[in-house]
C-alpha atoms as a PDB file:
ATOM      1  CA  MET A   1      20.074 110.144  52.643  1.00  0.00           C
ATOM      2  CA  CYS A   2      16.651 109.927  54.892  1.00  0.00           C
ATOM      3  CA  VAL A   3      14.674 110.653  51.800  1.00  0.00           C
ATOM      4  CA  ASN A   4      16.569 108.020  49.651  1.00  0.00           C
ATOM      5  CA  HIS A   5      15.633 105.270  52.359  1.00  0.00           C
ATOM      6  CA  ALA A   6      12.335 106.359  53.100  1.00  0.00           C
ATOM      7  CA  PRO A   7      10.812 108.764  50.298  1.00  0.00           C
ATOM      8  CA  ASP A   8       7.106 108.565  52.017  1.00  0.00           C
ATOM      9  CA  GLY A   9       8.463 109.328  55.346  1.00  0.00           C
ATOM     10  CA  PHE A  10      10.869 112.513  54.460  1.00  0.00           C
ATOM     11  CA  ARG A  11      10.956 115.578  52.626  1.00  0.00           C
ATOM     12  CA  LEU A  12      13.695 118.000  52.053  1.00  0.00           C
ATOM     13  CA  ASP A  13      13.238 121.785  52.522  1.00  0.00           C
ATOM     14  CA  SER A  14      14.554 124.709  50.269  1.00  0.00           C
ATOM     15  CA  ALA A  15      17.617 124.224  52.359  1.00  0.00           C
ATOM     16  CA  ARG A  16      18.036 120.739  51.646  1.00  0.00           C
ATOM     17  CA  GLN A  17      17.075 119.637  55.275  1.00  0.00           C
ATOM     18  CA  SER A  18      14.986 116.570  55.951  1.00  0.00           C
ATOM     19  CA  HIS A  19      12.011 116.645  57.816  1.00  0.00           C
ATOM     20  CA  PRO A  20       9.268 113.900  58.557  1.00  0.00           C
ATOM     21  CA  THR A  21       6.347 114.179  56.218  1.00  0.00           C
ATOM     22  CA  ASP A  22       4.177 112.753  59.197  1.00  0.00           C
ATOM     23  CA  GLU A  23       5.212 112.690  63.090  1.00  0.00           C
ATOM     24  CA  ASP A  24       2.820 109.720  63.376  1.00  0.00           C
ATOM     25  CA  HIS A  25       4.002 107.738  60.761  1.00  0.00           C
ATOM     26  CA  ASP A  26       3.523 103.846  61.028  1.00  0.00           C
ATOM     27  CA  ALA A  27       6.922 101.906  61.464  1.00  0.00           C
ATOM     28  CA  ASN A  28       8.153  99.898  58.736  1.00  0.00           C
ATOM     29  CA  GLU A  29      11.401  98.869  57.491  1.00  0.00           C
ATOM     30  CA  GLN A  30      12.284 102.087  55.224  1.00  0.00           C
ATOM     31  CA  LEU A  31      11.982 104.200  58.305  1.00  0.00           C
ATOM     32  CA  LEU A  32      14.175 101.929  60.309  1.00  0.00           C
ATOM     33  CA  ALA A  33      16.931 101.806  57.495  1.00  0.00           C
ATOM     34  CA  ALA A  34      16.634 105.532  57.393  1.00  0.00           C
ATOM     35  CA  ALA A  35      17.176 105.892  61.218  1.00  0.00           C
ATOM     36  CA  GLU A  36      20.047 103.431  61.039  1.00  0.00           C
ATOM     37  CA  GLY A  37      21.687 105.200  58.034  1.00  0.00           C
ATOM     38  CA  CYS A  38      21.450 108.521  59.104  1.00  0.00           C
ATOM     39  CA  PRO A  39      24.736 110.150  59.444  1.00  0.00           C
ATOM     40  CA  VAL A  40      24.208 112.400  62.321  1.00  0.00           C
ATOM     41  CA  GLU A  41      21.919 110.070  64.077  1.00  0.00           C
ATOM     42  CA  ALA A  42      18.998 112.579  64.354  1.00  0.00           C
ATOM     43  CA  ILE A  43      16.200 110.350  63.838  1.00  0.00           C
ATOM     44  CA  THR A  44      14.506 108.685  67.069  1.00  0.00           C
ATOM     45  CA  LEU A  45      11.716 106.215  66.358  1.00  0.00           C
ATOM     46  CA  THR A  46       9.378 105.709  69.529  1.00  0.00           C
ATOM     47  CA  LEU A  47       6.011 103.702  69.923  1.00  0.00           C
ATOM     48  CA  ALA A  48       3.156 105.934  69.767  1.00  0.00           C
ATOM     49  CA  GLY A  49       1.219 104.225  72.815  1.00  0.00           C
ATOM     50  CA  SER A  50       3.881 104.132  75.448  1.00  0.00           C
ATOM     51  CA  GLY A  51       6.707 106.435  74.000  1.00  0.00           C
ATOM     52  CA  GLU A  52       9.056 103.646  74.175  1.00  0.00           C
ATOM     53  CA  VAL A  53      12.167 104.124  72.042  1.00  0.00           C
ATOM     54  CA  VAL A  54      12.597 101.902  69.188  1.00  0.00           C
ATOM     55  CA  PHE A  55      15.796 103.418  67.618  1.00  0.00           C
ATOM     56  CA  PRO A  56      18.350 104.232  68.515  1.00  0.00           C
ATOM     57  CA  PRO A  57      18.891 101.057  70.930  1.00  0.00           C
ATOM     58  CA  GLU A  58      20.078 101.838  74.700  1.00  0.00           C
ATOM     59  CA  GLU A  59      23.543 101.491  74.847  1.00  0.00           C
END
């Protein structure tokens, strides 16, 4: 699912598990869509300078 939403942000390994292509990737709409669409909520987006969590939103 991640690779479909953000093909430049994620890659699949031989076990078909998704991994980020770069830990410090610039945020964009594709990465946010991948995070929002992740069926196991395994993607966290943070601001590089402060570490503030952008996604998932605090409940």
